[in-house]
């Protein structure tokens, strides 16, 4: 058995062993243009249970199509409550073992703050009720990974959203783990090491 096969097998064994245990919930988050999509794809490729799509994106697209424009401040409440509902459903559906999340409930604090809105009572209550085990914050990269990211094309806006998301997690009582800008593979290795999981095996 090659080293790659051994690594893959060890990770698979660890994930399988955790499947019968209590839920272990890990969030991957960060501002726009953080490389989150590539990292989420790497998590899936490694065979680790993980959300696929970030709920907010599809909900945003539906609202944008209905309105015929990007969302404005006055549109945010309805949108945010729909996103929150999707995150709560995703959270409560997970009953056992390891699962990574493509953003988490407290991300809402950052986005609301960026638009100058106070958090809703629903968001504050959900943040108290639904807790994650570890929050991984990705440092921003220099590329856009989704057409909607162009909304945040200005560097100062990207940084501002990122900072507000981070602050939202601190305000929610978390101590985020920061993941420096790097390849998706290197970032996943860092995350696995932090969680004391075997690193994923990779082909030549």
Protein backbone atom coordinates (compact mmCIF):
# COMPACT_ATOMS: atom_id res chain seq x y z
CA UNK A 1 0.00 0.00 0.00
CA UNK A 2 1.38 3.40 -0.98
CA UNK A 3 1.74 6.34 1.40
CA UNK A 4 -1.15 8.06 -0.38
CA UNK A 5 -3.39 5.01 0.05
CA UNK A 6 -2.38 4.72 3.70
CA UNK A 7 -3.24 8.39 4.34
CA UNK A 8 -6.60 8.06 2.61
CA UNK A 9 -7.37 4.89 4.53
CA UNK A 10 -6.44 6.45 7.86
CA UNK A 11 -8.67 9.46 7.22
CA UNK A 12 -11.55 7.25 6.11
CA UNK A 13 -11.19 5.17 9.28
CA UNK A 14 -11.20 8.30 11.45
CA UNK A 15 -14.30 9.69 9.73
CA UNK A 16 -16.08 6.33 9.99
CA UNK A 17 -15.16 5.99 13.67
CA UNK A 18 -16.62 9.43 14.37
CA UNK A 19 -19.87 8.61 12.55
CA UNK A 20 -21.35 6.94 15.61
CA UNK A 21 -20.35 9.74 17.96
CA UNK A 22 -22.06 13.00 18.85
CA UNK A 23 -22.11 15.66 16.10
CA UNK A 24 -18.84 17.47 15.47
CA UNK A 25 -19.51 20.64 13.50
CA UNK A 26 -16.75 22.67 11.84
CA UNK A 27 -17.34 25.91 9.96
CA UNK A 28 -15.27 27.15 7.01
CA UNK A 29 -15.85 30.85 6.47
CA UNK A 30 -14.27 34.13 5.42
CA UNK A 31 -15.01 37.19 3.34
CA UNK A 32 -15.57 37.22 -0.43
CA UNK A 33 -12.68 35.95 -2.54
CA UNK A 34 -11.28 33.76 0.25
CA UNK A 35 -10.85 30.52 -1.73
CA UNK A 36 -13.67 28.89 0.20
CA UNK A 37 -15.13 27.08 -2.82
CA UNK A 38 -11.83 25.39 -3.65
CA UNK A 39 -11.34 24.31 -0.05
CA UNK A 40 -14.89 22.95 0.21
CA UNK A 41 -14.24 20.97 -2.98
CA UNK A 42 -11.05 19.58 -1.43
CA UNK A 43 -12.96 18.55 1.70
CA UNK A 44 -15.46 16.65 -0.46
CA UNK A 45 -12.69 15.05 -2.51
CA UNK A 46 -11.10 13.80 0.72
CA UNK A 47 -14.33 12.01 1.62
CA UNK A 48 -15.12 14.20 4.64
CA UNK A 49 -18.84 14.98 5.17
CA UNK A 50 -19.49 18.58 4.20
CA UNK A 51 -22.15 20.97 2.95
CA UNK A 52 -22.01 21.46 -0.79
CA UNK A 53 -23.49 24.83 -1.65
CA UNK A 54 -23.57 27.84 0.63
CA UNK A 55 -27.35 28.41 1.05
CA UNK A 56 -27.02 32.18 0.87
CA UNK A 57 -25.81 32.15 -2.72
CA UNK A 58 -28.79 30.35 -4.23
CA UNK A 59 -31.21 32.36 -2.10
CA UNK A 60 -29.45 35.56 -3.20
CA UNK A 61 -29.80 34.58 -6.86
CA UNK A 62 -33.50 33.86 -6.45
CA UNK A 63 -34.11 37.24 -4.82
CA UNK A 64 -32.01 39.00 -7.47
CA UNK A 65 -33.94 37.33 -10.30
CA UNK A 66 -37.24 38.31 -8.72
CA UNK A 67 -36.16 41.92 -8.15
CA UNK A 68 -34.19 42.30 -11.37
CA UNK A 69 -31.19 43.77 -9.53
CA UNK A 70 -28.71 43.12 -6.74
CA UNK A 71 -30.13 43.28 -3.23
CA UNK A 72 -30.23 46.63 -1.48
CA UNK A 73 -30.32 47.46 2.18
CA UNK A 74 -34.12 47.42 2.24
CA UNK A 75 -34.17 43.90 0.79
CA UNK A 76 -31.84 42.39 3.35
CA UNK A 77 -34.26 41.47 6.15
CA UNK A 78 -36.37 39.07 4.11
CA UNK A 79 -33.27 37.60 2.48
CA UNK A 80 -31.40 37.19 5.79
CA UNK A 81 -34.27 35.41 7.53
CA UNK A 82 -34.56 32.98 4.62
CA UNK A 83 -30.81 32.29 4.78
CA UNK A 84 -30.98 31.81 8.55
CA UNK A 85 -33.78 29.28 8.16
CA UNK A 86 -31.68 27.31 5.66
CA UNK A 87 -28.68 27.27 8.01
CA UNK A 88 -30.78 26.10 10.95
CA UNK A 89 -32.23 23.29 8.83
CA UNK A 90 -28.73 22.25 7.75
CA UNK A 91 -27.51 22.33 11.36
CA UNK A 92 -30.37 20.34 12.86
CA UNK A 93 -30.31 17.68 10.12
CA UNK A 94 -26.85 16.57 11.23
CA UNK A 95 -27.10 14.04 14.08
CA UNK A 96 -23.80 12.15 14.30
CA UNK A 97 -20.12 12.43 13.41
CA UNK A 98 -18.00 14.97 11.57
CA UNK A 99 -19.46 17.60 9.27
CA UNK A 100 -18.00 20.75 7.76
CA UNK A 101 -20.20 23.75 7.06
CA UNK A 102 -19.93 26.22 4.20
CA UNK A 103 -20.33 29.30 6.43
CA UNK A 104 -22.24 29.23 9.70
CA UNK A 105 -25.11 30.98 11.42
CA UNK A 106 -22.97 33.80 12.95
CA UNK A 107 -21.88 34.87 9.44
CA UNK A 108 -25.16 36.75 9.48
CA UNK A 109 -23.75 39.27 11.97
CA UNK A 110 -21.05 40.24 9.51
CA UNK A 111 -23.33 40.65 6.54
CA UNK A 112 -25.94 42.59 8.51
CA UNK A 113 -23.21 44.83 9.88
CA UNK A 114 -21.86 45.55 6.42
CA UNK A 115 -25.28 46.84 5.37
CA UNK A 116 -25.65 48.91 8.53
CA UNK A 117 -28.40 46.73 10.00
CA UNK A 118 -28.80 45.51 13.54
CA UNK A 119 -28.94 41.72 13.98
CA UNK A 120 -32.43 40.31 14.13
CA UNK A 121 -33.73 38.68 17.28
CA UNK A 122 -34.00 35.45 15.29
CA UNK A 123 -30.28 35.54 14.44
CA UNK A 124 -29.26 36.24 18.03
CA UNK A 125 -31.44 33.41 19.34
CA UNK A 126 -30.19 30.94 16.73
CA UNK A 127 -26.59 31.84 17.57
CA UNK A 128 -27.22 30.94 21.21
CA UNK A 129 -29.03 27.69 20.42
CA UNK A 130 -26.95 26.24 17.60
CA UNK A 131 -23.26 26.07 18.44
CA UNK A 132 -20.33 24.87 16.32
CA UNK A 133 -17.19 23.18 17.59
CA UNK A 134 -14.49 25.00 15.60
CA UNK A 135 -14.58 28.01 13.28
CA UNK A 136 -11.96 28.16 10.51
CA UNK A 137 -11.59 31.61 8.94
CA UNK A 138 -9.87 31.79 5.55
CA UNK A 139 -7.69 34.78 4.84
CA UNK A 140 -8.67 36.54 1.58
CA UNK A 141 -7.01 35.69 -1.73
CA UNK A 142 -6.54 37.92 -4.77
CA UNK A 143 -9.00 36.19 -7.10
CA UNK A 144 -12.78 36.10 -7.46
CA UNK A 145 -14.29 32.63 -7.27
CA UNK A 146 -17.91 33.38 -8.14
CA UNK A 147 -19.60 35.89 -10.47
CA UNK A 148 -21.45 37.36 -7.50
CA UNK A 149 -18.12 38.25 -5.90
CA UNK A 150 -17.84 41.15 -8.33
CA UNK A 151 -20.31 42.91 -6.03
CA UNK A 152 -17.37 43.19 -3.61
CA UNK A 153 -14.74 44.04 -6.22
CA UNK A 154 -13.26 46.87 -4.19
CA UNK A 155 -10.50 45.65 -1.93
CA UNK A 156 -11.66 47.79 0.98
CA UNK A 157 -15.13 46.20 0.77
CA UNK A 158 -13.69 42.69 0.74
CA UNK A 159 -11.61 43.50 3.81
CA UNK A 160 -14.53 45.16 5.55
CA UNK A 161 -16.86 42.17 5.02
CA UNK A 162 -14.09 39.83 6.18
CA UNK A 163 -13.45 41.85 9.33
CA UNK A 164 -17.16 42.04 10.18
CA UNK A 165 -17.61 38.30 9.75
CA UNK A 166 -14.66 37.65 12.06
CA UNK A 167 -16.00 40.12 14.62
CA UNK A 168 -19.40 38.44 14.45
CA UNK A 169 -17.88 35.14 15.51
CA UNK A 170 -15.94 36.79 18.34
CA UNK A 171 -19.14 38.51 19.50
CA UNK A 172 -20.89 35.13 19.40
CA UNK A 173 -18.32 33.74 21.83
CA UNK A 174 -16.02 31.87 19.42
CA UNK A 175 -12.25 31.93 19.08
CA UNK A 176 -11.74 31.42 15.33
CA UNK A 177 -8.78 29.54 13.89
CA UNK A 178 -7.26 31.54 11.03
CA UNK A 179 -6.14 29.73 7.87
CA UNK A 180 -3.55 31.64 5.86
CA UNK A 181 -3.75 32.15 2.11
CA UNK A 182 -2.46 29.00 0.42
CA UNK A 183 -3.54 26.21 -1.89
CA UNK A 184 -6.72 24.35 -1.00
CA UNK A 185 -4.68 21.19 -0.34
CA UNK A 186 -2.35 22.98 2.08
CA UNK A 187 -5.27 24.59 3.86
CA UNK A 188 -7.02 21.26 4.27
CA UNK A 189 -3.83 19.72 5.65
CA UNK A 190 -3.67 22.55 8.19
CA UNK A 191 -7.30 22.06 9.20
CA UNK A 192 -6.91 18.28 9.55
CA UNK A 193 -3.81 18.78 11.70
CA UNK A 194 -5.71 21.26 13.88
CA UNK A 195 -8.51 18.71 14.37
CA UNK A 196 -6.03 15.84 14.84
CA UNK A 197 -7.37 14.06 11.78
CA UNK A 198 -5.08 12.18 9.36
CA UNK A 199 -4.14 14.26 6.34
CA UNK A 200 -5.86 13.31 3.09
CA UNK A 201 -3.91 11.12 0.69
CA UNK A 202 -3.36 12.52 -2.80
CA UNK A 203 -2.36 10.95 -6.08
CA UNK A 204 0.89 11.76 -7.81
